[in-house]
Amino acid sequence: MNSATELAEAAGGHDPATGLAAVAALRRLLEELEASHVDDARAQGWSWEAIAAALGVKRQTAHRKHAHRVIDRTTGSRQ
């Protein structure tokens, strides 16, 4: 199972072992995609409030989840 489509199909199947493995893989993929887009948004000057609104969460939630990883590309320090 490599593609998101294959994972989604497997997650909807009747075998619990395959389905749960697919759900876990999809969760990892979604976390990676979210992190990548948050990094891009911060690099483009988006505020934590704007990112949180796009994700449908509170600003504190987005910041707590992602700020440790995001580095200000102008100063080289964490945001």
N, C-alpha and C. Protein backbone atom coordinates (compact mmCIF):
# COMPACT_ATOMS: atom_id res chain seq x y z
N MET A 1 0.84 -1.18 0.00
CA MET A 1 0.00 0.00 0.00
C MET A 1 0.89 1.24 0.00
N ASN A 2 0.86 1.95 -1.12
CA ASN A 2 1.69 3.13 -1.20
C ASN A 2 0.92 4.41 -1.45
N SER A 3 -0.05 4.37 -2.32
CA SER A 3 -0.74 5.61 -2.66
C SER A 3 -1.86 5.89 -1.67
N ALA A 4 -2.23 7.16 -1.59
CA ALA A 4 -3.32 7.55 -0.70
C ALA A 4 -4.61 6.85 -1.11
N THR A 5 -4.79 6.66 -2.40
CA THR A 5 -6.00 5.99 -2.89
C THR A 5 -6.03 4.54 -2.42
N GLU A 6 -4.90 3.85 -2.52
CA GLU A 6 -4.83 2.46 -2.05
C GLU A 6 -5.08 2.38 -0.55
N LEU A 7 -4.50 3.35 0.19
CA LEU A 7 -4.69 3.36 1.64
C LEU A 7 -6.16 3.59 1.99
N ALA A 8 -6.80 4.51 1.30
CA ALA A 8 -8.21 4.80 1.56
C ALA A 8 -9.07 3.58 1.25
N GLU A 9 -8.76 2.89 0.17
CA GLU A 9 -9.51 1.68 -0.17
C GLU A 9 -9.32 0.61 0.89
N ALA A 10 -8.07 0.45 1.34
CA ALA A 10 -7.79 -0.56 2.37
C ALA A 10 -8.47 -0.20 3.68
N ALA A 11 -8.52 1.09 4.01
CA ALA A 11 -9.16 1.52 5.25
C ALA A 11 -10.65 1.23 5.24
N GLY A 12 -11.25 1.17 4.06
CA GLY A 12 -12.68 0.91 3.95
C GLY A 12 -13.01 -0.56 3.80
N GLY A 13 -12.00 -1.41 3.84
CA GLY A 13 -12.23 -2.84 3.67
C GLY A 13 -12.80 -3.50 4.91
N HIS A 14 -12.95 -4.82 4.83
CA HIS A 14 -13.57 -5.58 5.91
C HIS A 14 -12.57 -6.25 6.84
N ASP A 15 -11.28 -6.28 6.46
CA ASP A 15 -10.25 -6.90 7.30
C ASP A 15 -9.74 -5.87 8.29
N PRO A 16 -10.00 -6.06 9.59
CA PRO A 16 -9.58 -5.07 10.57
C PRO A 16 -8.07 -4.81 10.60
N ALA A 17 -7.27 -5.83 10.44
CA ALA A 17 -5.81 -5.65 10.48
C ALA A 17 -5.35 -4.75 9.34
N THR A 18 -5.85 -5.01 8.15
CA THR A 18 -5.49 -4.20 7.00
C THR A 18 -6.06 -2.79 7.14
N GLY A 19 -7.29 -2.70 7.57
CA GLY A 19 -7.94 -1.41 7.73
C GLY A 19 -7.24 -0.53 8.75
N LEU A 20 -6.89 -1.10 9.88
CA LEU A 20 -6.22 -0.32 10.92
C LEU A 20 -4.82 0.10 10.48
N ALA A 21 -4.12 -0.76 9.80
CA ALA A 21 -2.80 -0.39 9.28
C ALA A 21 -2.91 0.74 8.28
N ALA A 22 -3.95 0.69 7.44
CA ALA A 22 -4.17 1.74 6.46
C ALA A 22 -4.53 3.06 7.15
N VAL A 23 -5.35 3.01 8.18
CA VAL A 23 -5.71 4.22 8.93
C VAL A 23 -4.46 4.84 9.55
N ALA A 24 -3.61 4.03 10.13
CA ALA A 24 -2.37 4.55 10.73
C ALA A 24 -1.48 5.19 9.68
N ALA A 25 -1.37 4.57 8.52
CA ALA A 25 -0.55 5.12 7.44
C ALA A 25 -1.15 6.43 6.92
N LEU A 26 -2.48 6.48 6.78
CA LEU A 26 -3.13 7.72 6.36
C LEU A 26 -2.91 8.84 7.37
N ARG A 27 -2.98 8.50 8.65
CA ARG A 27 -2.75 9.49 9.70
C ARG A 27 -1.34 10.07 9.59
N ARG A 28 -0.35 9.21 9.38
CA ARG A 28 1.03 9.69 9.21
C ARG A 28 1.15 10.60 7.99
N LEU A 29 0.52 10.19 6.89
CA LEU A 29 0.55 10.98 5.66
C LEU A 29 -0.09 12.35 5.88
N LEU A 30 -1.23 12.39 6.53
CA LEU A 30 -1.90 13.66 6.80
C LEU A 30 -1.06 14.56 7.70
N GLU A 31 -0.42 14.00 8.69
CA GLU A 31 0.45 14.79 9.58
C GLU A 31 1.60 15.40 8.79
N GLU A 32 2.20 14.62 7.89
CA GLU A 32 3.29 15.12 7.07
C GLU A 32 2.81 16.23 6.13
N LEU A 33 1.65 16.05 5.52
CA LEU A 33 1.10 17.07 4.63
C LEU A 33 0.78 18.35 5.40
N GLU A 34 0.16 18.21 6.56
CA GLU A 34 -0.16 19.38 7.36
C GLU A 34 1.10 20.13 7.74
N ALA A 35 2.10 19.42 8.20
CA ALA A 35 3.35 20.06 8.60
C ALA A 35 3.99 20.80 7.42
N SER A 36 3.99 20.18 6.28
CA SER A 36 4.57 20.81 5.10
C SER A 36 3.84 22.10 4.73
N HIS A 37 2.51 22.06 4.76
CA HIS A 37 1.73 23.25 4.41
C HIS A 37 1.85 24.34 5.47
N VAL A 38 1.96 23.96 6.72
CA VAL A 38 2.16 24.95 7.78
C VAL A 38 3.53 25.61 7.58
N ASP A 39 4.55 24.84 7.29
CA ASP A 39 5.87 25.41 7.03
C ASP A 39 5.82 26.40 5.87
N ASP A 40 5.14 26.02 4.80
CA ASP A 40 5.01 26.90 3.64
C ASP A 40 4.25 28.18 3.99
N ALA A 41 3.17 28.02 4.74
CA ALA A 41 2.37 29.19 5.13
C ALA A 41 3.19 30.15 5.98
N ARG A 42 3.93 29.63 6.94
CA ARG A 42 4.76 30.49 7.79
C ARG A 42 5.85 31.18 6.96
N ALA A 43 6.43 30.45 6.01
CA ALA A 43 7.47 31.03 5.15
C ALA A 43 6.90 32.15 4.30
N GLN A 44 5.60 32.09 4.00
CA GLN A 44 4.94 33.12 3.20
C GLN A 44 4.34 34.22 4.06
N GLY A 45 4.61 34.18 5.35
CA GLY A 45 4.19 35.25 6.24
C GLY A 45 2.83 35.08 6.88
N TRP A 46 2.23 33.91 6.78
CA TRP A 46 0.93 33.69 7.42
C TRP A 46 1.09 33.75 8.93
N SER A 47 0.10 34.31 9.58
CA SER A 47 0.08 34.32 11.05
C SER A 47 -0.41 32.97 11.55
N TRP A 48 -0.14 32.72 12.83
CA TRP A 48 -0.65 31.49 13.44
C TRP A 48 -2.17 31.51 13.46
N GLU A 49 -2.74 32.70 13.60
CA GLU A 49 -4.20 32.81 13.60
C GLU A 49 -4.79 32.40 12.24
N ALA A 50 -4.15 32.83 11.15
CA ALA A 50 -4.63 32.48 9.81
C ALA A 50 -4.48 30.98 9.55
N ILE A 51 -3.36 30.42 9.99
CA ILE A 51 -3.13 28.98 9.82
C ILE A 51 -4.17 28.19 10.60
N ALA A 52 -4.40 28.61 11.84
CA ALA A 52 -5.37 27.92 12.68
C ALA A 52 -6.76 27.97 12.06
N ALA A 53 -7.13 29.13 11.52
CA ALA A 53 -8.45 29.26 10.89
C ALA A 53 -8.57 28.31 9.70
N ALA A 54 -7.52 28.20 8.90
CA ALA A 54 -7.54 27.31 7.74
C ALA A 54 -7.64 25.85 8.16
N LEU A 55 -7.06 25.51 9.30
CA LEU A 55 -7.10 24.14 9.81
C LEU A 55 -8.35 23.86 10.64
N GLY A 56 -9.09 24.91 10.99
CA GLY A 56 -10.29 24.72 11.80
C GLY A 56 -9.99 24.44 13.26
N VAL A 57 -8.88 25.01 13.76
CA VAL A 57 -8.51 24.83 15.16
C VAL A 57 -8.22 26.20 15.77
N LYS A 58 -7.96 26.22 17.06
CA LYS A 58 -7.60 27.47 17.73
C LYS A 58 -6.13 27.79 17.45
N ARG A 59 -5.81 29.09 17.54
CA ARG A 59 -4.44 29.54 17.29
C ARG A 59 -3.44 28.82 18.20
N GLN A 60 -3.79 28.70 19.46
CA GLN A 60 -2.90 28.03 20.41
C GLN A 60 -2.63 26.59 20.00
N THR A 61 -3.64 25.92 19.51
CA THR A 61 -3.50 24.52 19.10
C THR A 61 -2.53 24.40 17.94
N ALA A 62 -2.68 25.25 16.93
CA ALA A 62 -1.79 25.21 15.77
C ALA A 62 -0.37 25.55 16.19
N HIS A 63 -0.22 26.57 17.01
CA HIS A 63 1.12 26.99 17.45
C HIS A 63 1.80 25.90 18.27
N ARG A 64 1.06 25.34 19.21
CA ARG A 64 1.62 24.30 20.08
C ARG A 64 2.07 23.08 19.26
N LYS A 65 1.29 22.76 18.23
CA LYS A 65 1.59 21.57 17.44
C LYS A 65 2.77 21.78 16.49
N HIS A 66 2.91 22.99 15.95
CA HIS A 66 3.86 23.19 14.86
C HIS A 66 5.03 24.12 15.14
N ALA A 67 4.93 25.00 16.12
CA ALA A 67 5.96 26.03 16.30
C ALA A 67 7.33 25.46 16.61
N HIS A 68 7.41 24.33 17.27
CA HIS A 68 8.71 23.75 17.63
C HIS A 68 9.52 23.37 16.39
N ARG A 69 8.84 23.16 15.28
CA ARG A 69 9.50 22.67 14.08
C ARG A 69 9.80 23.79 13.08
N VAL A 70 9.02 24.86 13.14
CA VAL A 70 9.12 25.93 12.16
C VAL A 70 10.27 26.86 12.52
N ILE A 71 11.12 27.14 11.56
CA ILE A 71 12.26 28.02 11.78
C ILE A 71 12.08 29.26 10.91
N ASP A 72 12.28 30.42 11.51
CA ASP A 72 12.21 31.67 10.77
C ASP A 72 13.38 31.69 9.78
N ARG A 73 13.07 31.74 8.50
CA ARG A 73 14.11 31.66 7.48
C ARG A 73 14.94 32.93 7.37
N THR A 74 14.46 34.03 7.95
CA THR A 74 15.25 35.28 7.89
C THR A 74 16.24 35.35 9.03
N THR A 75 15.87 34.84 10.20
CA THR A 75 16.78 34.93 11.35
C THR A 75 17.43 33.61 11.70
N GLY A 76 16.87 32.52 11.21
CA GLY A 76 17.40 31.20 11.54
C GLY A 76 16.98 30.70 12.90
N SER A 77 16.08 31.44 13.57
CA SER A 77 15.64 31.02 14.91
C SER A 77 14.22 30.46 14.82
N ARG A 78 13.86 29.76 15.86
CA ARG A 78 12.52 29.18 15.93
C ARG A 78 11.51 30.29 16.16
N GLN A 79 10.30 30.09 15.65
CA GLN A 79 9.24 31.10 15.79
C GLN A 79 8.36 30.77 16.96
